[in-house]
C-alpha cells in the first residue's frame, strides 16, 4: 500500500478509494466549494434548537435556585421560633 499523491490540498487520502475531496469541496479537481442551501437550513434549525434548549436549562436552574432559597428561608424561620420558645 503506497500513500496517495493527490493533486492539491483539497483532496484527502482515503484508505479504500484513494484521493477523495475533503469535506466542503467537490468537482473533478476538488476546486469547487460545496456550499448548498440545505446545509444552511440545517445549521439554522440546529441553532434555534440550541437556543431553545439553553433557555429551558436556564429556567430550570432559576427555579431550582428559588426553591433552595425558599427552603432555607423557611428553615431559618422555623429554627428562630424553636429557639424563642
PDB file of N, CA and C in Angstrom:
ATOM      1  N   UNK A   1       0.839  -1.179   0.000  1.00  0.00           N
ATOM      2  CA  UNK A   1       0.000   0.000   0.000  1.00  0.00           C
ATOM      3  C   UNK A   1       0.884   1.243   0.000  1.00  0.00           C
ATOM      4  N   UNK A   2       0.711   2.103  -0.951  1.00  0.00           N
ATOM      5  CA  UNK A   2       1.519   3.315  -1.025  1.00  0.00           C
ATOM      6  C   UNK A   2       0.653   4.521  -0.693  1.00  0.00           C
ATOM      7  N   UNK A   3       1.253   5.584  -0.148  1.00  0.00           N
ATOM      8  CA  UNK A   3       0.477   6.781   0.172  1.00  0.00           C
ATOM      9  C   UNK A   3      -0.047   7.445  -1.096  1.00  0.00           C
ATOM     10  N   UNK A   4      -1.137   8.165  -0.936  1.00  0.00           N
ATOM     11  CA  UNK A   4      -1.745   8.857  -2.078  1.00  0.00           C
ATOM     12  C   UNK A   4      -0.877  10.036  -2.509  1.00  0.00           C
ATOM     13  N   UNK A   5      -0.887  10.308  -3.774  1.00  0.00           N
ATOM     14  CA  UNK A   5      -0.243  11.506  -4.309  1.00  0.00           C
ATOM     15  C   UNK A   5      -1.347  12.343  -4.940  1.00  0.00           C
ATOM     16  N   UNK A   6      -2.072  13.055  -4.089  1.00  0.00           N
ATOM     17  CA  UNK A   6      -3.224  13.832  -4.544  1.00  0.00           C
ATOM     18  C   UNK A   6      -2.766  15.120  -5.216  1.00  0.00           C
ATOM     19  N   UNK A   7      -3.654  15.682  -6.050  1.00  0.00           N
ATOM     20  CA  UNK A   7      -3.295  16.835  -6.877  1.00  0.00           C
ATOM     21  C   UNK A   7      -3.111  18.126  -6.083  1.00  0.00           C
ATOM     22  N   UNK A   8      -3.930  18.340  -5.054  1.00  0.00           N
ATOM     23  CA  UNK A   8      -3.804  19.568  -4.258  1.00  0.00           C
ATOM     24  C   UNK A   8      -4.283  19.310  -2.834  1.00  0.00           C
ATOM     25  N   UNK A   9      -4.281  20.358  -2.016  1.00  0.00           N
ATOM     26  CA  UNK A   9      -4.626  20.209  -0.605  1.00  0.00           C
ATOM     27  C   UNK A   9      -6.118  20.027  -0.358  1.00  0.00           C
ATOM     28  N   UNK A  10      -6.960  20.175  -1.380  1.00  0.00           N
ATOM     29  CA  UNK A  10      -8.396  19.972  -1.216  1.00  0.00           C
ATOM     30  C   UNK A  10      -8.772  18.495  -1.257  1.00  0.00           C
ATOM     31  N   UNK A  11      -7.823  17.636  -1.556  1.00  0.00           N
ATOM     32  CA  UNK A  11      -8.033  16.193  -1.541  1.00  0.00           C
ATOM     33  C   UNK A  11      -7.586  15.638  -0.199  1.00  0.00           C
ATOM     34  N   UNK A  12      -8.107  14.458   0.135  1.00  0.00           N
ATOM     35  CA  UNK A  12      -7.582  13.707   1.268  1.00  0.00           C
ATOM     36  C   UNK A  12      -7.441  12.253   0.844  1.00  0.00           C
ATOM     37  N   UNK A  13      -6.547  11.555   1.460  1.00  0.00           N
ATOM     38  CA  UNK A  13      -6.258  10.174   1.083  1.00  0.00           C
ATOM     39  C   UNK A  13      -7.185   9.228   1.837  1.00  0.00           C
ATOM     40  N   UNK A  14      -8.045   8.543   1.119  1.00  0.00           N
ATOM     41  CA  UNK A  14      -8.946   7.552   1.707  1.00  0.00           C
ATOM     42  C   UNK A  14      -8.305   6.180   1.541  1.00  0.00           C
ATOM     43  N   UNK A  15      -8.265   5.360   2.591  1.00  0.00           N
ATOM     44  CA  UNK A  15      -7.558   4.084   2.503  1.00  0.00           C
ATOM     45  C   UNK A  15      -8.118   3.128   1.455  1.00  0.00           C
ATOM     46  N   UNK A  16      -9.411   3.192   1.179  1.00  0.00           N
ATOM     47  CA  UNK A  16     -10.011   2.242   0.241  1.00  0.00           C
ATOM     48  C   UNK A  16     -10.126   2.800  -1.169  1.00  0.00           C
ATOM     49  N   UNK A  17     -10.464   4.076  -1.292  1.00  0.00           N
ATOM     50  CA  UNK A  17     -10.748   4.635  -2.616  1.00  0.00           C
ATOM     51  C   UNK A  17      -9.672   5.562  -3.145  1.00  0.00           C
ATOM     52  N   UNK A  18      -8.669   5.882  -2.365  1.00  0.00           N
ATOM     53  CA  UNK A  18      -7.604   6.779  -2.819  1.00  0.00           C
ATOM     54  C   UNK A  18      -7.938   8.228  -2.541  1.00  0.00           C
ATOM     55  N   UNK A  19      -7.580   9.110  -3.463  1.00  0.00           N
ATOM     56  CA  UNK A  19      -7.798  10.543  -3.273  1.00  0.00           C
ATOM     57  C   UNK A  19      -9.276  10.878  -3.427  1.00  0.00           C
ATOM     58  N   UNK A  20      -9.842  11.522  -2.407  1.00  0.00           N
ATOM     59  CA  UNK A  20     -11.231  11.983  -2.444  1.00  0.00           C
ATOM     60  C   UNK A  20     -11.251  13.432  -1.976  1.00  0.00           C
ATOM     61  N   UNK A  21     -12.306  14.139  -2.354  1.00  0.00           N
ATOM     62  CA  UNK A  21     -12.434  15.550  -1.964  1.00  0.00           C
ATOM     63  C   UNK A  21     -12.652  15.666  -0.459  1.00  0.00           C
ATOM     64  N   UNK A  22     -12.006  16.674   0.133  1.00  0.00           N
ATOM     65  CA  UNK A  22     -12.241  16.972   1.546  1.00  0.00           C
ATOM     66  C   UNK A  22     -13.663  17.488   1.712  1.00  0.00           C
ATOM     67  N   UNK A  23     -14.140  17.464   2.959  1.00  0.00           N
ATOM     68  CA  UNK A  23     -15.473  17.977   3.268  1.00  0.00           C
ATOM     69  C   UNK A  23     -15.559  19.455   2.867  1.00  0.00           C
ATOM     70  N   UNK A  24     -16.576  19.794   2.132  1.00  0.00           N
ATOM     71  CA  UNK A  24     -16.771  21.170   1.697  1.00  0.00           C
ATOM     72  C   UNK A  24     -16.294  21.451   0.289  1.00  0.00           C
ATOM     73  N   UNK A  25     -15.718  20.456  -0.388  1.00  0.00           N
ATOM     74  CA  UNK A  25     -15.242  20.628  -1.756  1.00  0.00           C
ATOM     75  C   UNK A  25     -15.832  19.549  -2.651  1.00  0.00           C
ATOM     76  N   UNK A  26     -15.970  19.884  -3.936  1.00  0.00           N
ATOM     77  CA  UNK A  26     -16.474  18.923  -4.917  1.00  0.00           C
ATOM     78  C   UNK A  26     -15.848  19.228  -6.265  1.00  0.00           C
ATOM     79  N   UNK A  27     -16.155  18.414  -7.238  1.00  0.00           N
ATOM     80  CA  UNK A  27     -15.624  18.601  -8.579  1.00  0.00           C
ATOM     81  C   UNK A  27     -14.500  17.635  -8.877  1.00  0.00           C
ATOM     82  N   UNK A  28     -14.116  17.606 -10.140  1.00  0.00           N
ATOM     83  CA  UNK A  28     -13.080  16.678 -10.574  1.00  0.00           C
ATOM     84  C   UNK A  28     -11.736  16.969  -9.910  1.00  0.00           C
ATOM     85  N   UNK A  29     -11.437  18.253  -9.721  1.00  0.00           N
ATOM     86  CA  UNK A  29     -10.181  18.647  -9.082  1.00  0.00           C
ATOM     87  C   UNK A  29     -10.391  19.127  -7.641  1.00  0.00           C
ATOM     88  N   UNK A  30     -11.589  18.911  -7.117  1.00  0.00           N
ATOM     89  CA  UNK A  30     -11.948  19.364  -5.762  1.00  0.00           C
ATOM     90  C   UNK A  30     -11.681  20.857  -5.596  1.00  0.00           C
ATOM     91  N   UNK A  31     -11.966  21.623  -6.627  1.00  0.00           N
ATOM     92  CA  UNK A  31     -11.710  23.056  -6.578  1.00  0.00           C
ATOM     93  C   UNK A  31     -12.992  23.874  -6.457  1.00  0.00           C
ATOM     94  N   UNK A  32     -14.142  23.210  -6.395  1.00  0.00           N
ATOM     95  CA  UNK A  32     -15.419  23.909  -6.246  1.00  0.00           C
ATOM     96  C   UNK A  32     -15.905  23.732  -4.814  1.00  0.00           C
ATOM     97  N   UNK A  33     -16.310  24.840  -4.197  1.00  0.00           N
ATOM     98  CA  UNK A  33     -16.827  24.749  -2.837  1.00  0.00           C
ATOM     99  C   UNK A  33     -18.227  24.165  -2.876  1.00  0.00           C
ATOM    100  N   UNK A  34     -18.483  23.206  -2.021  1.00  0.00           N
ATOM    101  CA  UNK A  34     -19.782  22.529  -1.971  1.00  0.00           C
ATOM    102  C   UNK A  34     -20.635  23.168  -0.890  1.00  0.00           C
ATOM    103  N   UNK A  35     -21.118  24.385  -1.147  1.00  0.00           N
ATOM    104  CA  UNK A  35     -21.971  25.093  -0.201  1.00  0.00           C
ATOM    105  C   UNK A  35     -23.373  25.067  -0.778  1.00  0.00           C
ATOM    106  N   UNK A  36     -24.295  24.451  -0.048  1.00  0.00           N
ATOM    107  CA  UNK A  36     -25.659  24.336  -0.548  1.00  0.00           C
ATOM    108  C   UNK A  36     -26.654  24.977   0.391  1.00  0.00           C
ATOM    109  N   UNK A  37     -27.847  25.277  -0.120  1.00  0.00           N
ATOM    110  CA  UNK A  37     -28.899  25.870   0.694  1.00  0.00           C
ATOM    111  C   UNK A  37     -29.373  24.939   1.792  1.00  0.00           C
ATOM    112  N   UNK A  38     -29.399  23.635   1.521  1.00  0.00           N
ATOM    113  CA  UNK A  38     -29.854  22.675   2.512  1.00  0.00           C
ATOM    114  C   UNK A  38     -28.955  22.697   3.739  1.00  0.00           C
ATOM    115  N   UNK A  39     -27.685  22.825   3.529  1.00  0.00           N
ATOM    116  CA  UNK A  39     -26.731  22.866   4.638  1.00  0.00           C
ATOM    117  C   UNK A  39     -26.979  24.087   5.517  1.00  0.00           C
ATOM    118  N   UNK A  40     -27.268  25.196   4.915  1.00  0.00           N
ATOM    119  CA  UNK A  40     -27.544  26.409   5.692  1.00  0.00           C
ATOM    120  C   UNK A  40     -28.841  26.270   6.481  1.00  0.00           C
ATOM    121  N   UNK A  41     -29.849  25.643   5.898  1.00  0.00           N
ATOM    122  CA  UNK A  41     -31.120  25.458   6.589  1.00  0.00           C
ATOM    123  C   UNK A  41     -30.923  24.562   7.812  1.00  0.00           C
ATOM    124  N   UNK A  42     -30.177  23.489   7.662  1.00  0.00           N
ATOM    125  CA  UNK A  42     -29.924  22.598   8.786  1.00  0.00           C
ATOM    126  C   UNK A  42     -29.186  23.339   9.888  1.00  0.00           C
ATOM    127  N   UNK A  43     -28.235  24.177   9.510  1.00  0.00           N
ATOM    128  CA  UNK A  43     -27.473  24.922  10.510  1.00  0.00           C
ATOM    129  C   UNK A  43     -28.394  25.866  11.274  1.00  0.00           C
ATOM    130  N   UNK A  44     -29.286  26.558  10.563  1.00  0.00           N
ATOM    131  CA  UNK A  44     -30.204  27.485  11.214  1.00  0.00           C
ATOM    132  C   UNK A  44     -31.146  26.733  12.145  1.00  0.00           C
ATOM    133  N   UNK A  45     -31.621  25.578  11.750  1.00  0.00           N
ATOM    134  CA  UNK A  45     -32.520  24.793  12.585  1.00  0.00           C
ATOM    135  C   UNK A  45     -31.840  24.313  13.853  1.00  0.00           C
ATOM    136  N   UNK A  46     -30.629  23.848  13.743  1.00  0.00           N
ATOM    137  CA  UNK A  46     -29.917  23.365  14.925  1.00  0.00           C
ATOM    138  C   UNK A  46     -29.587  24.525  15.855  1.00  0.00           C
ATOM    139  N   UNK A  47     -29.361  25.698  15.305  1.00  0.00           N
ATOM    140  CA  UNK A  47     -29.079  26.867  16.123  1.00  0.00           C
ATOM    141  C   UNK A  47     -30.313  27.252  16.936  1.00  0.00           C
ATOM    142  N   UNK A  48     -31.492  27.228  16.311  1.00  0.00           N
ATOM    143  CA  UNK A  48     -32.729  27.545  17.023  1.00  0.00           C
ATOM    144  C   UNK A  48     -32.985  26.531  18.128  1.00  0.00           C
ATOM    145  N   UNK A  49     -32.718  25.279  17.839  1.00  0.00           N
ATOM    146  CA  UNK A  49     -32.892  24.243  18.854  1.00  0.00           C
ATOM    147  C   UNK A  49     -31.947  24.434  20.020  1.00  0.00           C
ATOM    148  N   UNK A  50     -30.732  24.847  19.739  1.00  0.00           N
ATOM    149  CA  UNK A  50     -29.755  25.085  20.799  1.00  0.00           C
ATOM    150  C   UNK A  50     -30.183  26.248  21.684  1.00  0.00           C
ATOM    151  N   UNK A  51     -30.709  27.283  21.071  1.00  0.00           N
ATOM    152  CA  UNK A  51     -31.173  28.442  21.840  1.00  0.00           C
ATOM    153  C   UNK A  51     -32.339  28.037  22.734  1.00  0.00           C
ATOM    154  N   UNK A  52     -33.283  27.280  22.187  1.00  0.00           N
ATOM    155  CA  UNK A  52     -34.435  26.839  22.973  1.00  0.00           C
ATOM    156  C   UNK A  52     -33.991  25.954  24.135  1.00  0.00           C
ATOM    157  N   UNK A  53     -33.067  25.050  23.887  1.00  0.00           N
ATOM    158  CA  UNK A  53     -32.565  24.180  24.951  1.00  0.00           C
ATOM    159  C   UNK A  53     -31.857  24.998  26.025  1.00  0.00           C
ATOM    160  N   UNK A  54     -31.097  25.998  25.613  1.00  0.00           N
ATOM    161  CA  UNK A  54     -30.412  26.856  26.573  1.00  0.00           C
ATOM    162  C   UNK A  54     -31.379  27.626  27.457  1.00  0.00           C
ATOM    163  N   UNK A  55     -32.462  28.119  26.862  1.00  0.00           N
ATOM    164  CA  UNK A  55     -33.470  28.858  27.629  1.00  0.00           C
ATOM    165  C   UNK A  55     -34.144  27.931  28.637  1.00  0.00           C
ATOM    166  N   UNK A  56     -34.482  26.720  28.214  1.00  0.00           N
ATOM    167  CA  UNK A  56     -35.129  25.760  29.119  1.00  0.00           C
ATOM    168  C   UNK A  56     -34.206  25.417  30.284  1.00  0.00           C
ATOM    169  N   UNK A  57     -32.947  25.164  30.003  1.00  0.00           N
ATOM    170  CA  UNK A  57     -31.986  24.843  31.065  1.00  0.00           C
ATOM    171  C   UNK A  57     -31.845  26.024  32.022  1.00  0.00           C
ATOM    172  N   UNK A  58     -31.786  27.232  31.498  1.00  0.00           N
ATOM    173  CA  UNK A  58     -31.665  28.420  32.347  1.00  0.00           C
ATOM    174  C   UNK A  58     -32.889  28.567  33.253  1.00  0.00           C
ATOM    175  N   UNK A  59     -34.086  28.346  32.710  1.00  0.00           N
ATOM    176  CA  UNK A  59     -35.302  28.447  33.519  1.00  0.00           C
ATOM    177  C   UNK A  59     -35.328  27.389  34.622  1.00  0.00           C
ATOM    178  N   UNK A  60     -34.887  26.184  34.305  1.00  0.00           N
ATOM    179  CA  UNK A  60     -34.844  25.126  35.317  1.00  0.00           C
ATOM    180  C   UNK A  60     -33.863  25.497  36.428  1.00  0.00           C
ATOM    181  N   UNK A  61     -32.702  26.029  36.063  1.00  0.00           N
ATOM    182  CA  UNK A  61     -31.721  26.433  37.077  1.00  0.00           C
ATOM    183  C   UNK A  61     -32.254  27.550  37.967  1.00  0.00           C
ATOM    184  N   UNK A  62     -32.941  28.514  37.380  1.00  0.00           N
ATOM    185  CA  UNK A  62     -33.518  29.608  38.167  1.00  0.00           C
ATOM    186  C   UNK A  62     -34.571  29.055  39.125  1.00  0.00           C
ATOM    187  N   UNK A  63     -35.409  28.127  38.662  1.00  0.00           N
ATOM    188  CA  UNK A  63     -36.431  27.529  39.522  1.00  0.00           C
ATOM    189  C   UNK A  63     -35.793  26.767  40.682  1.00  0.00           C
ATOM    190  N   UNK A  64     -34.714  26.052  40.426  1.00  0.00           N
ATOM    191  CA  UNK A  64     -34.019  25.313  41.488  1.00  0.00           C
ATOM    192  C   UNK A  64     -33.430  26.273  42.513  1.00  0.00           C
ATOM    193  N   UNK A  65     -32.823  27.352  42.050  1.00  0.00           N
ATOM    194  CA  UNK A  65     -32.231  28.337  42.964  1.00  0.00           C
ATOM    195  C   UNK A  65     -33.307  28.981  43.830  1.00  0.00           C
ATOM    196  N   UNK A  66     -34.451  29.319  43.244  1.00  0.00           N
ATOM    197  CA  UNK A  66     -35.551  29.917  44.013  1.00  0.00           C
ATOM    198  C   UNK A  66     -36.074  28.924  45.044  1.00  0.00           C
ATOM    199  N   UNK A  67     -36.220  27.658  44.658  1.00  0.00           N
ATOM    200  CA  UNK A  67     -36.711  26.637  45.588  1.00  0.00           C
ATOM    201  C   UNK A  67     -35.752  26.465  46.763  1.00  0.00           C
ATOM    202  N   UNK A  68     -34.456  26.447  46.496  1.00  0.00           N
ATOM    203  CA  UNK A  68     -33.463  26.318  47.571  1.00  0.00           C
ATOM    204  C   UNK A  68     -33.517  27.529  48.494  1.00  0.00           C
ATOM    205  N   UNK A  69     -33.644  28.721  47.940  1.00  0.00           N
ATOM    206  CA  UNK A  69     -33.733  29.946  48.742  1.00  0.00           C
ATOM    207  C   UNK A  69     -34.954  29.908  49.658  1.00  0.00           C
ATOM    208  N   UNK A  70     -36.103  29.542  49.102  1.00  0.00           N
ATOM    209  CA  UNK A  70     -37.325  29.498  49.906  1.00  0.00           C
ATOM    210  C   UNK A  70     -37.237  28.425  50.991  1.00  0.00           C
ATOM    211  N   UNK A  71     -36.644  27.294  50.678  1.00  0.00           N
ATOM    212  CA  UNK A  71     -36.486  26.216  51.658  1.00  0.00           C
ATOM    213  C   UNK A  71     -35.641  26.681  52.840  1.00  0.00           C
ATOM    214  N   UNK A  72     -34.503  27.293  52.578  1.00  0.00           N
ATOM    215  CA  UNK A  72     -33.631  27.741  53.665  1.00  0.00           C
ATOM    216  C   UNK A  72     -34.239  28.895  54.443  1.00  0.00           C
ATOM    217  N   UNK A  73     -34.964  29.768  53.775  1.00  0.00           N
ATOM    218  CA  UNK A  73     -35.612  30.874  54.474  1.00  0.00           C
ATOM    219  C   UNK A  73     -36.653  30.342  55.457  1.00  0.00           C
ATOM    220  N   UNK A  74     -37.440  29.336  55.009  1.00  0.00           N
ATOM    221  CA  UNK A  74     -38.442  28.737  55.884  1.00  0.00           C
ATOM    222  C   UNK A  74     -37.767  27.978  57.030  1.00  0.00           C
ATOM    223  N   UNK A  75     -36.679  27.304  56.749  1.00  0.00           N
ATOM    224  CA  UNK A  75     -35.956  26.542  57.769  1.00  0.00           C
ATOM    225  C   UNK A  75     -35.405  27.465  58.852  1.00  0.00           C
ATOM    226  N   UNK A  76     -34.837  28.597  58.441  1.00  0.00           N
ATOM    227  CA  UNK A  76     -34.309  29.568  59.401  1.00  0.00           C
ATOM    228  C   UNK A  76     -35.447  30.140  60.238  1.00  0.00           C
ATOM    229  N   UNK A  77     -36.581  30.413  59.618  1.00  0.00           N
ATOM    230  CA  UNK A  77     -37.723  30.945  60.365  1.00  0.00           C
ATOM    231  C   UNK A  77     -38.202  29.925  61.396  1.00  0.00           C
ATOM    232  N   UNK A  78     -38.252  28.650  61.025  1.00  0.00           N
ATOM    233  CA  UNK A  78     -38.665  27.611  61.972  1.00  0.00           C
ATOM    234  C   UNK A  78     -37.663  27.481  63.117  1.00  0.00           C
ATOM    235  N   UNK A  79     -36.375  27.572  62.829  1.00  0.00           N
ATOM    236  CA  UNK A  79     -35.363  27.498  63.884  1.00  0.00           C
ATOM    237  C   UNK A  79     -35.478  28.675  64.849  1.00  0.00           C
ATOM    238  N   UNK A  80     -35.778  29.856  64.331  1.00  0.00           N
ATOM    239  CA  UNK A  80     -35.928  31.035  65.191  1.00  0.00           C
ATOM    240  C   UNK A  80     -37.100  30.857  66.146  1.00  0.00           C
ATOM    241  N   UNK A  81     -38.210  30.299  65.638  1.00  0.00           N
ATOM    242  CA  UNK A  81     -39.369  30.104  66.520  1.00  0.00           C
ATOM    243  C   UNK A  81     -39.090  29.020  67.558  1.00  0.00           C
ATOM    244  N   UNK A  82     -38.324  27.981  67.209  1.00  0.00           N
ATOM    245  CA  UNK A  82     -37.981  26.934  68.171  1.00  0.00           C
ATOM    246  C   UNK A  82     -37.056  27.472  69.259  1.00  0.00           C
ATOM    247  N   UNK A  83     -36.106  28.312  68.877  1.00  0.00           N
ATOM    248  CA  UNK A  83     -35.168  28.881  69.844  1.00  0.00           C
ATOM    249  C   UNK A  83     -35.893  29.853  70.768  1.00  0.00           C
ATOM    250  N   UNK A  84     -36.857  30.587  70.246  1.00  0.00           N
ATOM    251  CA  UNK A  84     -37.576  31.585  71.028  1.00  0.00           C
ATOM    252  C   UNK A  84     -38.472  30.932  72.073  1.00  0.00           C
ATOM    253  N   UNK A  85     -38.861  29.692  71.888  1.00  0.00           N
ATOM    254  CA  UNK A  85     -39.786  29.057  72.834  1.00  0.00           C
ATOM    255  C   UNK A  85     -39.118  28.625  74.073  1.00  0.00           C
TER     256      UNK A  85
END
